[in-house]
């Protein structure tokens, strides 16, 4: 069976792990679900553009959904329940 490995920064992994715990699943299940949803929309030009842009900025930045990369810093989601998603600039 072919394998795809995803290397996450610690802050990224902790966020995925929290979501998995909230849904009583494993981090691998969250990653597979994300890939499944992406592949269902992958033919859309906007999604393809987002893949390319994410590839470019990921080298130097953490995604908006991850924990902060600096320990002790104030997070936008502080005071929120662990299962409540943090708002991003893409939220409506």
Protein backbone atom coordinates (compact mmCIF):
# COMPACT_ATOMS: atom_id res chain seq x y z
CA UNK A 1 0.00 0.00 0.00
CA UNK A 2 1.44 3.43 -0.91
CA UNK A 3 2.19 5.77 1.99
CA UNK A 4 2.10 9.54 2.30
CA UNK A 5 3.92 11.03 5.28
CA UNK A 6 2.97 14.45 6.60
CA UNK A 7 5.58 16.24 8.67
CA UNK A 8 3.97 18.71 11.06
CA UNK A 9 5.50 21.29 13.35
CA UNK A 10 4.71 20.64 17.01
CA UNK A 11 2.13 23.47 17.10
CA UNK A 12 0.38 22.04 14.04
CA UNK A 13 0.31 18.53 15.49
CA UNK A 14 -1.11 19.68 18.85
CA UNK A 15 -4.01 21.39 17.09
CA UNK A 16 -4.77 18.29 15.01
CA UNK A 17 -4.47 16.11 18.10
CA UNK A 18 -6.96 18.28 20.02
CA UNK A 19 -9.49 17.99 17.19
CA UNK A 20 -9.01 14.23 17.11
CA UNK A 21 -9.59 14.03 20.86
CA UNK A 22 -12.78 16.11 20.51
CA UNK A 23 -14.11 13.69 17.90
CA UNK A 24 -12.85 10.57 19.71
CA UNK A 25 -10.62 9.66 16.76
CA UNK A 26 -6.91 9.66 15.97
CA UNK A 27 -4.86 12.46 14.33
CA UNK A 28 -4.53 10.21 11.26
CA UNK A 29 -8.33 10.20 10.94
CA UNK A 30 -8.39 14.01 10.95
CA UNK A 31 -5.69 14.12 8.26
CA UNK A 32 -7.51 11.58 6.10
CA UNK A 33 -10.79 13.46 6.44
CA UNK A 34 -9.05 16.71 5.45
CA UNK A 35 -7.53 15.01 2.41
CA UNK A 36 -10.90 13.49 1.51
CA UNK A 37 -12.65 16.88 1.64
CA UNK A 38 -9.85 18.51 -0.36
CA UNK A 39 -9.91 15.85 -3.06
CA UNK A 40 -13.67 16.25 -3.48
CA UNK A 41 -13.06 19.92 -4.37
CA UNK A 42 -9.64 19.55 -5.97
CA UNK A 43 -10.77 20.32 -9.51
CA UNK A 44 -11.82 23.85 -8.52
CA UNK A 45 -9.29 26.49 -9.62
CA UNK A 46 -9.47 28.27 -6.25
CA UNK A 47 -8.55 25.05 -4.43
CA UNK A 48 -5.63 24.39 -6.78
CA UNK A 49 -4.41 27.97 -6.26
CA UNK A 50 -4.66 27.49 -2.50
CA UNK A 51 -2.53 24.33 -2.71
CA UNK A 52 0.20 26.22 -4.58
CA UNK A 53 0.08 29.19 -2.18
CA UNK A 54 0.16 26.94 0.87
CA UNK A 55 3.18 25.14 -0.55
CA UNK A 56 4.96 28.49 -0.89
CA UNK A 57 4.24 30.01 2.52
CA UNK A 58 4.52 26.83 4.55
CA UNK A 59 8.32 26.90 4.39
CA UNK A 60 8.43 29.94 6.69
CA UNK A 61 5.06 30.13 8.45
CA UNK A 62 2.64 28.14 10.54
CA UNK A 63 -0.97 27.96 9.34
CA UNK A 64 -3.62 30.13 10.99
CA UNK A 65 -5.25 27.06 12.54
CA UNK A 66 -2.16 25.92 14.45
CA UNK A 67 -1.04 26.85 17.94
CA UNK A 68 1.33 29.78 18.17
CA UNK A 69 4.97 28.96 17.54
CA UNK A 70 6.11 30.99 20.55
CA UNK A 71 5.56 29.45 23.99
CA UNK A 72 3.58 31.59 26.40
CA UNK A 73 2.19 33.91 23.75
CA UNK A 74 -1.45 34.93 23.79
CA UNK A 75 -3.60 32.86 21.46
CA UNK A 76 -6.65 34.14 19.62
CA UNK A 77 -8.61 31.17 20.97
CA UNK A 78 -7.69 31.53 24.67
CA UNK A 79 -10.70 31.10 26.87
CA UNK A 80 -12.43 28.96 24.25
CA UNK A 81 -13.32 25.33 24.79
CA UNK A 82 -10.69 22.96 23.33
CA UNK A 83 -13.21 21.64 20.78
CA UNK A 84 -14.26 25.11 19.62
CA UNK A 85 -12.43 26.07 16.42
CA UNK A 86 -10.46 29.30 16.38
CA UNK A 87 -11.76 31.92 14.00
CA UNK A 88 -9.60 32.57 10.98
CA UNK A 89 -9.48 35.40 8.51
CA UNK A 90 -11.43 33.10 6.17
CA UNK A 91 -14.41 32.83 8.53
CA UNK A 92 -17.61 34.58 7.51
